[in-house]
Amino acid sequence: MSPESVTADRIHRELKLNIIEGEFGPGAVLGLQLIARMFGTSISPVRDALNRLVGERIVELQPGGGFTVPVFDNRKAYHIYSWHADVVRAVVKVMDKLDRLGPPPDFSSRESREPDAIASATAEFFTALASCSPNPEHLMAIEVLGERLHVLRLQEGMFARQAEELGSLWKLAGSGNRNATRVAMWHYHRKRLLRASDICEAIILHANRGKGPEP
């Protein structure tokens, strides 16, 4: 692998993490020269990394050229949550090898209940659940959706007792009761579908507080 490819891989990995954790606000322009300066590299590997992120739908390519962070509106957020619900429903229908779930995390500390910790634990749970499916496409779909949903999950603090909800889902799925798990998952996703617009507004408010860097 050439040094330029290694650089592109590093930029891809680190830039993806910055975006899904909300370091760049929605609609932020991802200028090639800016990012090249950030990583101390040339423009070419930056362009390669951004094009990979476009393929993963973490970044959007503008019609006139240039790259931006996607803006979540009510419709887009609703559709992503809905698609996640569809994939989870398919997983629950065929899940086996439930030992892959393991026990839920310990949410007793304050740090474990912070938004970033809950969002990461949520991604961990659904990834583990999808790994219980004999169809590897389910796991791939959940991993990709989890990356796109992370920004939304960081703003789900409006839902009370998130840690308890996640812990209950974890234990229920591990019990192997498919019907009860399916119903619980429906309630989980329905709450978020009904509040998709509120979650989007929370993302905008968070970005307007100046968290994201200037393009």
N, C-alpha and C. Protein backbone atom coordinates (compact mmCIF):
# COMPACT_ATOMS: atom_id res chain seq x y z
N MET A 1 0.85 -1.20 0.00
CA MET A 1 0.00 0.00 0.00
C MET A 1 0.89 1.25 0.00
N SER A 2 0.57 2.19 -0.90
CA SER A 2 1.39 3.39 -1.00
C SER A 2 1.18 4.30 0.20
N PRO A 3 2.18 5.17 0.51
CA PRO A 3 2.01 6.12 1.62
C PRO A 3 0.77 6.99 1.47
N GLU A 4 0.43 7.34 0.23
CA GLU A 4 -0.76 8.16 0.00
C GLU A 4 -2.02 7.41 0.38
N SER A 5 -2.06 6.09 0.08
CA SER A 5 -3.22 5.29 0.44
C SER A 5 -3.36 5.18 1.96
N VAL A 6 -2.23 5.01 2.63
CA VAL A 6 -2.24 4.95 4.10
C VAL A 6 -2.78 6.25 4.66
N THR A 7 -2.34 7.38 4.09
CA THR A 7 -2.81 8.69 4.54
C THR A 7 -4.31 8.83 4.31
N ALA A 8 -4.79 8.39 3.14
CA ALA A 8 -6.22 8.48 2.84
C ALA A 8 -7.03 7.64 3.81
N ASP A 9 -6.51 6.46 4.16
CA ASP A 9 -7.21 5.60 5.13
C ASP A 9 -7.30 6.28 6.49
N ARG A 10 -6.22 6.91 6.92
CA ARG A 10 -6.22 7.59 8.22
C ARG A 10 -7.18 8.77 8.21
N ILE A 11 -7.16 9.55 7.15
CA ILE A 11 -8.07 10.70 7.05
C ILE A 11 -9.51 10.22 7.04
N HIS A 12 -9.77 9.16 6.27
CA HIS A 12 -11.12 8.61 6.19
C HIS A 12 -11.61 8.20 7.57
N ARG A 13 -10.78 7.48 8.30
CA ARG A 13 -11.16 6.97 9.61
C ARG A 13 -11.39 8.10 10.62
N GLU A 14 -10.46 9.05 10.68
CA GLU A 14 -10.55 10.11 11.67
C GLU A 14 -11.63 11.13 11.31
N LEU A 15 -11.76 11.44 10.02
CA LEU A 15 -12.77 12.40 9.60
C LEU A 15 -14.17 11.83 9.81
N LYS A 16 -14.34 10.54 9.53
CA LYS A 16 -15.65 9.91 9.78
C LYS A 16 -16.02 10.04 11.25
N LEU A 17 -15.07 9.76 12.13
CA LEU A 17 -15.34 9.85 13.56
C LEU A 17 -15.72 11.28 13.95
N ASN A 18 -15.02 12.26 13.40
CA ASN A 18 -15.34 13.66 13.70
C ASN A 18 -16.75 14.02 13.26
N ILE A 19 -17.14 13.52 12.09
CA ILE A 19 -18.45 13.87 11.55
C ILE A 19 -19.57 13.20 12.34
N ILE A 20 -19.45 11.89 12.59
CA ILE A 20 -20.56 11.20 13.26
C ILE A 20 -20.69 11.62 14.72
N GLU A 21 -19.62 12.16 15.29
CA GLU A 21 -19.69 12.65 16.67
C GLU A 21 -20.10 14.12 16.73
N GLY A 22 -20.40 14.71 15.56
CA GLY A 22 -20.93 16.06 15.54
C GLY A 22 -19.89 17.16 15.62
N GLU A 23 -18.62 16.85 15.36
CA GLU A 23 -17.59 17.88 15.42
C GLU A 23 -17.76 18.88 14.28
N PHE A 24 -18.33 18.43 13.18
CA PHE A 24 -18.69 19.32 12.08
C PHE A 24 -20.21 19.42 12.07
N GLY A 25 -20.73 20.63 12.10
CA GLY A 25 -22.17 20.82 12.14
C GLY A 25 -22.85 20.47 10.83
N PRO A 26 -24.16 20.25 10.87
CA PRO A 26 -24.90 19.93 9.64
C PRO A 26 -24.76 21.05 8.62
N GLY A 27 -24.47 20.65 7.39
CA GLY A 27 -24.31 21.62 6.32
C GLY A 27 -22.91 22.20 6.22
N ALA A 28 -22.01 21.83 7.13
CA ALA A 28 -20.65 22.37 7.10
C ALA A 28 -19.95 21.97 5.80
N VAL A 29 -19.27 22.94 5.20
CA VAL A 29 -18.50 22.68 3.99
C VAL A 29 -17.17 22.04 4.38
N LEU A 30 -16.86 20.93 3.76
CA LEU A 30 -15.62 20.21 4.04
C LEU A 30 -14.61 20.56 2.96
N GLY A 31 -13.98 21.72 3.11
CA GLY A 31 -13.04 22.20 2.11
C GLY A 31 -11.79 21.34 2.04
N LEU A 32 -11.36 21.04 0.83
CA LEU A 32 -10.20 20.18 0.65
C LEU A 32 -8.94 20.78 1.27
N GLN A 33 -8.74 22.07 1.05
CA GLN A 33 -7.52 22.70 1.58
C GLN A 33 -7.55 22.78 3.10
N LEU A 34 -8.73 23.06 3.67
CA LEU A 34 -8.86 23.11 5.13
C LEU A 34 -8.50 21.77 5.75
N ILE A 35 -9.07 20.71 5.21
CA ILE A 35 -8.83 19.39 5.78
C ILE A 35 -7.39 18.95 5.55
N ALA A 36 -6.84 19.30 4.38
CA ALA A 36 -5.44 18.98 4.12
C ALA A 36 -4.54 19.65 5.15
N ARG A 37 -4.84 20.88 5.52
CA ARG A 37 -4.05 21.57 6.55
C ARG A 37 -4.24 20.90 7.91
N MET A 38 -5.48 20.49 8.20
CA MET A 38 -5.75 19.82 9.47
C MET A 38 -4.90 18.56 9.64
N PHE A 39 -4.74 17.81 8.54
CA PHE A 39 -4.03 16.53 8.61
C PHE A 39 -2.58 16.65 8.14
N GLY A 40 -2.18 17.84 7.73
CA GLY A 40 -0.81 18.03 7.29
C GLY A 40 -0.45 17.20 6.08
N THR A 41 -1.33 17.20 5.09
CA THR A 41 -1.11 16.37 3.91
C THR A 41 -1.51 17.14 2.65
N SER A 42 -1.40 16.49 1.52
CA SER A 42 -1.80 17.10 0.25
C SER A 42 -3.31 16.91 0.05
N ILE A 43 -3.83 17.51 -1.00
CA ILE A 43 -5.27 17.46 -1.27
C ILE A 43 -5.71 16.09 -1.78
N SER A 44 -4.85 15.40 -2.51
CA SER A 44 -5.24 14.15 -3.16
C SER A 44 -5.79 13.10 -2.19
N PRO A 45 -5.08 12.76 -1.10
CA PRO A 45 -5.66 11.76 -0.18
C PRO A 45 -6.91 12.26 0.54
N VAL A 46 -7.02 13.57 0.71
CA VAL A 46 -8.23 14.13 1.32
C VAL A 46 -9.42 13.89 0.40
N ARG A 47 -9.22 14.14 -0.89
CA ARG A 47 -10.30 13.91 -1.86
C ARG A 47 -10.69 12.43 -1.89
N ASP A 48 -9.70 11.55 -1.84
CA ASP A 48 -9.99 10.11 -1.83
C ASP A 48 -10.82 9.73 -0.60
N ALA A 49 -10.43 10.25 0.55
CA ALA A 49 -11.15 9.94 1.79
C ALA A 49 -12.57 10.46 1.75
N LEU A 50 -12.76 11.67 1.25
CA LEU A 50 -14.10 12.26 1.18
C LEU A 50 -14.99 11.51 0.20
N ASN A 51 -14.42 11.07 -0.90
CA ASN A 51 -15.21 10.29 -1.86
C ASN A 51 -15.66 8.97 -1.25
N ARG A 52 -14.82 8.36 -0.43
CA ARG A 52 -15.22 7.14 0.28
C ARG A 52 -16.37 7.43 1.24
N LEU A 53 -16.30 8.56 1.91
CA LEU A 53 -17.36 8.94 2.85
C LEU A 53 -18.67 9.26 2.11
N VAL A 54 -18.56 9.76 0.90
CA VAL A 54 -19.76 9.98 0.08
C VAL A 54 -20.42 8.64 -0.21
N GLY A 55 -19.60 7.64 -0.55
CA GLY A 55 -20.14 6.30 -0.82
C GLY A 55 -20.82 5.70 0.39
N GLU A 56 -20.36 6.08 1.60
CA GLU A 56 -20.94 5.59 2.84
C GLU A 56 -22.09 6.47 3.32
N ARG A 57 -22.37 7.54 2.59
CA ARG A 57 -23.44 8.49 2.88
C ARG A 57 -23.21 9.24 4.19
N ILE A 58 -21.94 9.35 4.58
CA ILE A 58 -21.58 10.15 5.74
C ILE A 58 -21.35 11.60 5.31
N VAL A 59 -20.98 11.77 4.04
CA VAL A 59 -20.72 13.08 3.44
C VAL A 59 -21.54 13.17 2.16
N GLU A 60 -21.92 14.39 1.79
CA GLU A 60 -22.67 14.59 0.56
C GLU A 60 -21.82 15.37 -0.45
N LEU A 61 -21.91 14.96 -1.70
CA LEU A 61 -21.24 15.65 -2.80
C LEU A 61 -22.22 16.63 -3.42
N GLN A 62 -21.84 17.90 -3.45
CA GLN A 62 -22.73 18.93 -3.98
C GLN A 62 -22.74 18.92 -5.50
N PRO A 63 -23.89 19.27 -6.13
CA PRO A 63 -23.99 19.26 -7.59
C PRO A 63 -22.92 20.10 -8.28
N GLY A 64 -22.58 21.25 -7.70
CA GLY A 64 -21.58 22.12 -8.31
C GLY A 64 -20.16 21.80 -7.88
N GLY A 65 -19.99 20.69 -7.16
CA GLY A 65 -18.68 20.34 -6.64
C GLY A 65 -18.56 20.68 -5.17
N GLY A 66 -17.68 20.05 -4.49
CA GLY A 66 -17.48 20.29 -3.07
C GLY A 66 -18.20 19.26 -2.22
N PHE A 67 -17.79 19.19 -0.97
CA PHE A 67 -18.32 18.20 -0.03
C PHE A 67 -18.91 18.91 1.19
N THR A 68 -20.03 18.38 1.69
CA THR A 68 -20.66 18.96 2.87
C THR A 68 -21.14 17.85 3.81
N VAL A 69 -21.33 18.22 5.06
CA VAL A 69 -21.94 17.32 6.04
C VAL A 69 -23.45 17.32 5.80
N PRO A 70 -24.09 16.17 5.77
CA PRO A 70 -25.54 16.13 5.53
C PRO A 70 -26.32 16.93 6.56
N VAL A 71 -27.40 17.53 6.10
CA VAL A 71 -28.33 18.24 6.97
C VAL A 71 -29.50 17.32 7.24
N PHE A 72 -29.79 17.07 8.51
CA PHE A 72 -30.92 16.21 8.85
C PHE A 72 -32.18 17.05 8.97
N ASP A 73 -33.15 16.76 8.11
CA ASP A 73 -34.47 17.34 8.30
C ASP A 73 -35.39 16.23 8.79
N ASN A 74 -36.63 16.57 9.08
CA ASN A 74 -37.57 15.61 9.64
C ASN A 74 -37.74 14.39 8.75
N ARG A 75 -37.85 14.62 7.44
CA ARG A 75 -38.08 13.51 6.51
C ARG A 75 -36.88 12.55 6.49
N LYS A 76 -35.68 13.11 6.39
CA LYS A 76 -34.49 12.25 6.32
C LYS A 76 -34.31 11.47 7.62
N ALA A 77 -34.46 12.14 8.76
CA ALA A 77 -34.30 11.46 10.05
C ALA A 77 -35.35 10.35 10.19
N TYR A 78 -36.59 10.66 9.81
CA TYR A 78 -37.67 9.68 9.90
C TYR A 78 -37.35 8.45 9.06
N HIS A 79 -36.86 8.68 7.85
CA HIS A 79 -36.59 7.56 6.95
C HIS A 79 -35.45 6.69 7.45
N ILE A 80 -34.42 7.31 8.04
CA ILE A 80 -33.30 6.52 8.55
C ILE A 80 -33.74 5.69 9.76
N TYR A 81 -34.47 6.32 10.68
CA TYR A 81 -34.99 5.56 11.82
C TYR A 81 -35.90 4.43 11.35
N SER A 82 -36.72 4.72 10.35
CA SER A 82 -37.66 3.72 9.84
C SER A 82 -36.92 2.54 9.20
N TRP A 83 -35.88 2.84 8.44
CA TRP A 83 -35.11 1.78 7.80
C TRP A 83 -34.38 0.95 8.86
N HIS A 84 -33.87 1.60 9.89
CA HIS A 84 -33.23 0.89 10.99
C HIS A 84 -34.25 -0.05 11.66
N ALA A 85 -35.46 0.43 11.86
CA ALA A 85 -36.51 -0.40 12.46
C ALA A 85 -36.81 -1.61 11.59
N ASP A 86 -36.82 -1.42 10.27
CA ASP A 86 -37.10 -2.53 9.35
C ASP A 86 -36.00 -3.60 9.44
N VAL A 87 -34.75 -3.16 9.47
CA VAL A 87 -33.64 -4.12 9.53
C VAL A 87 -33.66 -4.86 10.87
N VAL A 88 -33.89 -4.13 11.96
CA VAL A 88 -33.94 -4.76 13.29
C VAL A 88 -35.07 -5.78 13.35
N ARG A 89 -36.21 -5.44 12.76
CA ARG A 89 -37.34 -6.38 12.74
C ARG A 89 -36.94 -7.68 12.02
N ALA A 90 -36.21 -7.53 10.91
CA ALA A 90 -35.76 -8.71 10.18
C ALA A 90 -34.76 -9.53 11.00
N VAL A 91 -33.91 -8.84 11.75
CA VAL A 91 -32.93 -9.53 12.60
C VAL A 91 -33.63 -10.34 13.69
N VAL A 92 -34.57 -9.69 14.37
CA VAL A 92 -35.27 -10.35 15.48
C VAL A 92 -36.00 -11.60 14.99
N LYS A 93 -36.47 -11.56 13.77
CA LYS A 93 -37.23 -12.68 13.21
C LYS A 93 -36.37 -13.94 13.08
N VAL A 94 -35.06 -13.77 12.87
CA VAL A 94 -34.21 -14.93 12.60
C VAL A 94 -33.06 -15.09 13.60
N MET A 95 -32.99 -14.24 14.61
CA MET A 95 -31.82 -14.22 15.49
C MET A 95 -31.62 -15.56 16.20
N ASP A 96 -30.36 -15.94 16.29
CA ASP A 96 -29.96 -17.11 17.08
C ASP A 96 -28.56 -16.79 17.63
N LYS A 97 -27.87 -17.75 18.22
CA LYS A 97 -26.54 -17.51 18.78
C LYS A 97 -26.55 -16.29 19.70
N LEU A 98 -27.52 -16.26 20.61
CA LEU A 98 -27.74 -15.09 21.44
C LEU A 98 -26.62 -14.84 22.44
N ASP A 99 -25.71 -15.79 22.58
CA ASP A 99 -24.58 -15.57 23.47
C ASP A 99 -23.68 -14.44 22.97
N ARG A 100 -23.81 -14.10 21.70
CA ARG A 100 -23.02 -13.00 21.14
C ARG A 100 -23.45 -11.64 21.70
N LEU A 101 -24.63 -11.58 22.27
CA LEU A 101 -25.10 -10.32 22.85
C LEU A 101 -24.32 -9.97 24.11
N GLY A 102 -24.06 -10.94 24.92
CA GLY A 102 -23.38 -10.67 26.18
C GLY A 102 -24.27 -9.85 27.10
N PRO A 103 -23.78 -9.51 28.29
CA PRO A 103 -24.57 -8.72 29.24
C PRO A 103 -24.56 -7.25 28.86
N PRO A 104 -25.58 -6.50 29.27
CA PRO A 104 -25.59 -5.05 28.99
C PRO A 104 -24.52 -4.34 29.81
N PRO A 105 -24.10 -3.15 29.37
CA PRO A 105 -23.10 -2.40 30.14
C PRO A 105 -23.65 -1.98 31.49
N ASP A 106 -22.75 -1.62 32.37
CA ASP A 106 -23.12 -1.10 33.68
C ASP A 106 -23.37 0.40 33.54
N PHE A 107 -24.62 0.81 33.72
CA PHE A 107 -24.99 2.22 33.57
C PHE A 107 -25.08 2.93 34.92
N SER A 108 -24.42 2.40 35.93
CA SER A 108 -24.57 2.96 37.27
C SER A 108 -23.81 4.26 37.48
N SER A 109 -22.75 4.48 36.69
CA SER A 109 -21.96 5.70 36.88
C SER A 109 -22.54 6.85 36.06
N ARG A 110 -22.19 8.06 36.47
CA ARG A 110 -22.68 9.24 35.76
C ARG A 110 -22.13 9.28 34.34
N GLU A 111 -20.85 8.89 34.19
CA GLU A 111 -20.23 8.94 32.86
C GLU A 111 -20.92 8.01 31.88
N SER A 112 -21.40 6.87 32.38
CA SER A 112 -22.04 5.89 31.50
C SER A 112 -23.41 6.36 31.01
N ARG A 113 -23.92 7.43 31.62
CA ARG A 113 -25.23 7.96 31.23
C ARG A 113 -25.10 9.25 30.41
N GLU A 114 -23.89 9.63 30.09
CA GLU A 114 -23.69 10.80 29.24
C GLU A 114 -24.17 10.47 27.82
N PRO A 115 -24.60 11.50 27.05
CA PRO A 115 -25.14 11.24 25.71
C PRO A 115 -24.20 10.44 24.81
N ASP A 116 -22.91 10.75 24.83
CA ASP A 116 -21.99 10.02 23.96
C ASP A 116 -21.84 8.56 24.38
N ALA A 117 -21.88 8.32 25.70
CA ALA A 117 -21.78 6.95 26.19
C ALA A 117 -23.02 6.15 25.84
N ILE A 118 -24.19 6.75 25.99
CA ILE A 118 -25.45 6.06 25.64
C ILE A 118 -25.50 5.79 24.13
N ALA A 119 -25.10 6.77 23.33
CA ALA A 119 -25.12 6.59 21.87
C ALA A 119 -24.18 5.46 21.46
N SER A 120 -23.00 5.41 22.06
CA SER A 120 -22.04 4.35 21.74
C SER A 120 -22.56 2.99 22.19
N ALA A 121 -23.17 2.95 23.37
CA ALA A 121 -23.73 1.69 23.87
C ALA A 121 -24.88 1.22 23.00
N THR A 122 -25.67 2.16 22.49
CA THR A 122 -26.78 1.82 21.60
C THR A 122 -26.26 1.18 20.32
N ALA A 123 -25.21 1.79 19.75
CA ALA A 123 -24.60 1.22 18.54
C ALA A 123 -24.04 -0.17 18.83
N GLU A 124 -23.42 -0.33 19.99
CA GLU A 124 -22.86 -1.63 20.39
C GLU A 124 -23.96 -2.69 20.50
N PHE A 125 -25.08 -2.31 21.10
CA PHE A 125 -26.18 -3.26 21.26
C PHE A 125 -26.73 -3.73 19.92
N PHE A 126 -27.05 -2.78 19.05
CA PHE A 126 -27.66 -3.18 17.78
C PHE A 126 -26.68 -3.93 16.89
N THR A 127 -25.39 -3.60 16.99
CA THR A 127 -24.38 -4.36 16.25
C THR A 127 -24.30 -5.79 16.77
N ALA A 128 -24.31 -5.93 18.10
CA ALA A 128 -24.27 -7.27 18.69
C ALA A 128 -25.52 -8.06 18.33
N LEU A 129 -26.67 -7.38 18.34
CA LEU A 129 -27.93 -8.05 17.98
C LEU A 129 -27.87 -8.53 16.54
N ALA A 130 -27.39 -7.68 15.63
CA ALA A 130 -27.32 -8.05 14.22
C ALA A 130 -26.35 -9.20 13.99
N SER A 131 -25.33 -9.31 14.85
CA SER A 131 -24.37 -10.42 14.71
C SER A 131 -25.01 -11.75 15.08
N CYS A 132 -26.18 -11.70 15.73
CA CYS A 132 -26.92 -12.93 16.06
C CYS A 132 -27.71 -13.46 14.88
N SER A 133 -27.78 -12.69 13.81
CA SER A 133 -28.50 -13.13 12.61
C SER A 133 -27.60 -14.01 11.76
N PRO A 134 -28.13 -15.08 11.17
CA PRO A 134 -27.32 -15.91 10.27
C PRO A 134 -27.04 -15.21 8.93
N ASN A 135 -27.71 -14.08 8.69
CA ASN A 135 -27.51 -13.34 7.44
C ASN A 135 -26.51 -12.20 7.69
N PRO A 136 -25.30 -12.29 7.15
CA PRO A 136 -24.28 -11.26 7.40
C PRO A 136 -24.66 -9.89 6.85
N GLU A 137 -25.60 -9.84 5.89
CA GLU A 137 -26.03 -8.56 5.34
C GLU A 137 -26.73 -7.72 6.40
N HIS A 138 -27.38 -8.37 7.35
CA HIS A 138 -28.02 -7.63 8.44
C HIS A 138 -27.00 -6.86 9.26
N LEU A 139 -25.88 -7.51 9.57
CA LEU A 139 -24.84 -6.84 10.35
C LEU A 139 -24.24 -5.67 9.58
N MET A 140 -23.99 -5.86 8.30
CA MET A 140 -23.42 -4.79 7.49
C MET A 140 -24.37 -3.59 7.44
N ALA A 141 -25.67 -3.87 7.28
CA ALA A 141 -26.66 -2.79 7.21
C ALA A 141 -26.75 -2.03 8.53
N ILE A 142 -26.74 -2.76 9.65
CA ILE A 142 -26.84 -2.12 10.96
C ILE A 142 -25.61 -1.28 11.25
N GLU A 143 -24.43 -1.75 10.87
CA GLU A 143 -23.21 -0.98 11.09
C GLU A 143 -23.23 0.34 10.33
N VAL A 144 -23.66 0.29 9.07
CA VAL A 144 -23.73 1.51 8.26
C VAL A 144 -24.79 2.46 8.82
N LEU A 145 -25.95 1.93 9.15
CA LEU A 145 -27.02 2.76 9.71
C LEU A 145 -26.60 3.34 11.06
N GLY A 146 -25.87 2.58 11.85
CA GLY A 146 -25.42 3.07 13.14
C GLY A 146 -24.53 4.28 13.02
N GLU A 147 -23.67 4.28 12.01
CA GLU A 147 -22.80 5.43 11.79
C GLU A 147 -23.61 6.66 11.40
N ARG A 148 -24.61 6.47 10.56
CA ARG A 148 -25.43 7.59 10.12
C ARG A 148 -26.35 8.09 11.24
N LEU A 149 -26.74 7.19 12.12
CA LEU A 149 -27.66 7.55 13.20
C LEU A 149 -26.97 8.17 14.40
N HIS A 150 -25.66 8.07 14.48
CA HIS A 150 -24.96 8.48 15.70
C HIS A 150 -25.23 9.94 16.05
N VAL A 151 -25.21 10.82 15.07
CA VAL A 151 -25.47 12.25 15.32
C VAL A 151 -26.87 12.43 15.90
N LEU A 152 -27.83 11.67 15.42
CA LEU A 152 -29.19 11.74 15.95
C LEU A 152 -29.24 11.19 17.37
N ARG A 153 -28.56 10.08 17.59
CA ARG A 153 -28.59 9.46 18.92
C ARG A 153 -27.96 10.35 19.99
N LEU A 154 -27.02 11.17 19.61
CA LEU A 154 -26.41 12.09 20.57
C LEU A 154 -27.41 13.10 21.12
N GLN A 155 -28.52 13.29 20.39
CA GLN A 155 -29.53 14.27 20.81
C GLN A 155 -30.81 13.60 21.31
N GLU A 156 -30.74 12.33 21.66
CA GLU A 156 -31.93 11.61 22.14
C GLU A 156 -32.12 11.76 23.65
N GLY A 157 -31.40 12.69 24.25
CA GLY A 157 -31.53 12.90 25.69
C GLY A 157 -32.91 13.36 26.11
N MET A 158 -33.75 13.75 25.16
CA MET A 158 -35.13 14.16 25.47
C MET A 158 -35.97 12.97 25.95
N PHE A 159 -35.48 11.76 25.68
CA PHE A 159 -36.20 10.57 26.13
C PHE A 159 -35.73 10.20 27.53
N ALA A 160 -36.66 10.09 28.44
CA ALA A 160 -36.31 9.77 29.83
C ALA A 160 -35.84 8.33 29.97
N ARG A 161 -34.94 8.12 30.92
CA ARG A 161 -34.50 6.78 31.32
C ARG A 161 -33.95 5.98 30.13
N GLN A 162 -33.09 6.63 29.35
CA GLN A 162 -32.50 5.95 28.19
C GLN A 162 -31.69 4.72 28.59
N ALA A 163 -30.90 4.86 29.65
CA ALA A 163 -30.06 3.74 30.07
C ALA A 163 -30.92 2.54 30.46
N GLU A 164 -31.99 2.80 31.21
CA GLU A 164 -32.89 1.71 31.62
C GLU A 164 -33.55 1.07 30.40
N GLU A 165 -33.95 1.90 29.45
CA GLU A 165 -34.59 1.39 28.25
C GLU A 165 -33.63 0.48 27.48
N LEU A 166 -32.40 0.95 27.31
CA LEU A 166 -31.42 0.17 26.56
C LEU A 166 -31.08 -1.13 27.29
N GLY A 167 -30.91 -1.04 28.60
CA GLY A 167 -30.62 -2.24 29.38
C GLY A 167 -31.73 -3.26 29.29
N SER A 168 -32.99 -2.80 29.31
CA SER A 168 -34.14 -3.70 29.21
C SER A 168 -34.18 -4.39 27.84
N LEU A 169 -33.93 -3.61 26.78
CA LEU A 169 -33.90 -4.18 25.43
C LEU A 169 -32.82 -5.25 25.33
N TRP A 170 -31.68 -4.95 25.90
CA TRP A 170 -30.53 -5.86 25.85
C TRP A 170 -30.88 -7.20 26.50
N LYS A 171 -31.44 -7.12 27.70
CA LYS A 171 -31.79 -8.34 28.43
C LYS A 171 -32.92 -9.10 27.74
N LEU A 172 -33.89 -8.36 27.23
CA LEU A 172 -35.02 -9.01 26.57
C LEU A 172 -34.58 -9.75 25.32
N ALA A 173 -33.74 -9.11 24.51
CA ALA A 173 -33.24 -9.77 23.31
C ALA A 173 -32.45 -11.02 23.68
N GLY A 174 -31.67 -10.92 24.75
CA GLY A 174 -30.87 -12.06 25.18
C GLY A 174 -31.70 -13.22 25.71
N SER A 175 -32.94 -12.94 26.10
CA SER A 175 -33.80 -14.01 26.61
C SER A 175 -34.29 -14.94 25.51
N GLY A 176 -34.22 -14.45 24.25
CA GLY A 176 -34.67 -15.26 23.13
C GLY A 176 -36.15 -15.18 22.84
N ASN A 177 -36.88 -14.35 23.59
CA ASN A 177 -38.31 -14.19 23.36
C ASN A 177 -38.51 -13.25 22.17
N ARG A 178 -38.68 -13.82 21.00
CA ARG A 178 -38.75 -13.03 19.79
C ARG A 178 -39.96 -12.09 19.77
N ASN A 179 -41.11 -12.59 20.20
CA ASN A 179 -42.31 -11.77 20.14
C ASN A 179 -42.21 -10.56 21.07
N ALA A 180 -41.78 -10.77 22.30
CA ALA A 180 -41.63 -9.66 23.24
C ALA A 180 -40.55 -8.68 22.76
N THR A 181 -39.47 -9.21 22.19
CA THR A 181 -38.41 -8.34 21.67
C THR A 181 -38.91 -7.51 20.50
N ARG A 182 -39.68 -8.13 19.63
CA ARG A 182 -40.24 -7.40 18.47
C ARG A 182 -41.12 -6.25 18.93
N VAL A 183 -41.99 -6.50 19.92
CA VAL A 183 -42.88 -5.45 20.42
C VAL A 183 -42.07 -4.33 21.08
N ALA A 184 -41.07 -4.70 21.88
CA ALA A 184 -40.25 -3.69 22.55
C ALA A 184 -39.49 -2.84 21.54
N MET A 185 -38.99 -3.46 20.48
CA MET A 185 -38.28 -2.72 19.44
C MET A 185 -39.22 -1.78 18.70
N TRP A 186 -40.45 -2.21 18.52
CA TRP A 186 -41.43 -1.34 17.86
C TRP A 186 -41.67 -0.09 18.69
N HIS A 187 -41.82 -0.26 20.01
CA HIS A 187 -42.01 0.90 20.89
C HIS A 187 -40.77 1.80 20.88
N TYR A 188 -39.58 1.19 20.90
CA TYR A 188 -38.33 1.96 20.88
C TYR A 188 -38.26 2.85 19.64
N HIS A 189 -38.50 2.27 18.48
CA HIS A 189 -38.40 3.04 17.24
C HIS A 189 -39.56 4.02 17.08
N ARG A 190 -40.75 3.64 17.53
CA ARG A 190 -41.90 4.51 17.38
C ARG A 190 -41.69 5.83 18.12
N LYS A 191 -41.11 5.77 19.31
CA LYS A 191 -40.84 7.00 20.06
C LYS A 191 -39.95 7.94 19.26
N ARG A 192 -38.96 7.39 18.60
CA ARG A 192 -38.02 8.22 17.85
C ARG A 192 -38.61 8.70 16.54
N LEU A 193 -39.44 7.91 15.91
CA LEU A 193 -40.12 8.34 14.69
C LEU A 193 -41.06 9.51 14.98
N LEU A 194 -41.75 9.45 16.11
CA LEU A 194 -42.68 10.51 16.46
C LEU A 194 -41.97 11.82 16.83
N ARG A 195 -40.72 11.73 17.27
CA ARG A 195 -39.99 12.92 17.70
C ARG A 195 -38.83 13.24 16.77
N ALA A 196 -38.88 12.74 15.54
CA ALA A 196 -37.78 12.96 14.60
C ALA A 196 -37.51 14.45 14.38
N SER A 197 -38.56 15.25 14.26
CA SER A 197 -38.37 16.69 14.03
C SER A 197 -37.72 17.35 15.23
N ASP A 198 -38.09 16.92 16.45
CA ASP A 198 -37.49 17.48 17.66
C ASP A 198 -36.00 17.14 17.74
N ILE A 199 -35.66 15.93 17.35
CA ILE A 199 -34.25 15.52 17.36
C ILE A 199 -33.45 16.35 16.36
N CYS A 200 -34.03 16.60 15.20
CA CYS A 200 -33.36 17.43 14.20
C CYS A 200 -33.15 18.85 14.71
N GLU A 201 -34.14 19.40 15.37
CA GLU A 201 -34.01 20.74 15.94
C GLU A 201 -32.91 20.77 16.99
N ALA A 202 -32.80 19.71 17.77
CA ALA A 202 -31.75 19.64 18.80
C ALA A 202 -30.37 19.61 18.16
N ILE A 203 -30.23 18.94 17.02
CA ILE A 203 -28.95 18.90 16.31
C ILE A 203 -28.56 20.31 15.87
N ILE A 204 -29.52 21.04 15.34
CA ILE A 204 -29.26 22.41 14.86
C ILE A 204 -28.87 23.31 16.01
N LEU A 205 -29.60 23.21 17.11
CA LEU A 205 -29.29 24.03 18.28
C LEU A 205 -27.90 23.72 18.81
N HIS A 206 -27.54 22.46 18.82
CA HIS A 206 -26.23 22.05 19.29
C HIS A 206 -25.14 22.64 18.38
N ALA A 207 -25.36 22.57 17.06
CA ALA A 207 -24.39 23.11 16.12
C ALA A 207 -24.26 24.61 16.26
N ASN A 208 -25.39 25.30 16.51
CA ASN A 208 -25.37 26.76 16.62
C ASN A 208 -24.67 27.26 17.88
N ARG A 209 -24.42 26.35 18.81
CA ARG A 209 -23.67 26.76 20.01
C ARG A 209 -22.18 26.83 19.75
N GLY A 210 -21.82 26.61 18.48
CA GLY A 210 -20.43 26.81 18.10
C GLY A 210 -19.52 25.62 18.28
N LYS A 211 -20.10 24.40 18.31
CA LYS A 211 -19.25 23.22 18.50
C LYS A 211 -18.43 22.91 17.26
N GLY A 212 -19.02 23.06 16.10
CA GLY A 212 -18.32 22.71 14.87
C GLY A 212 -17.31 23.75 14.46
N PRO A 213 -16.15 23.34 13.84
CA PRO A 213 -15.15 24.28 13.38
C PRO A 213 -15.61 25.05 12.17
N GLU A 214 -15.06 26.21 11.97
CA GLU A 214 -15.39 27.01 10.79
C GLU A 214 -14.79 26.37 9.55
N PRO A 215 -15.53 26.38 8.42
CA PRO A 215 -14.97 25.82 7.18
C PRO A 215 -13.89 26.73 6.62
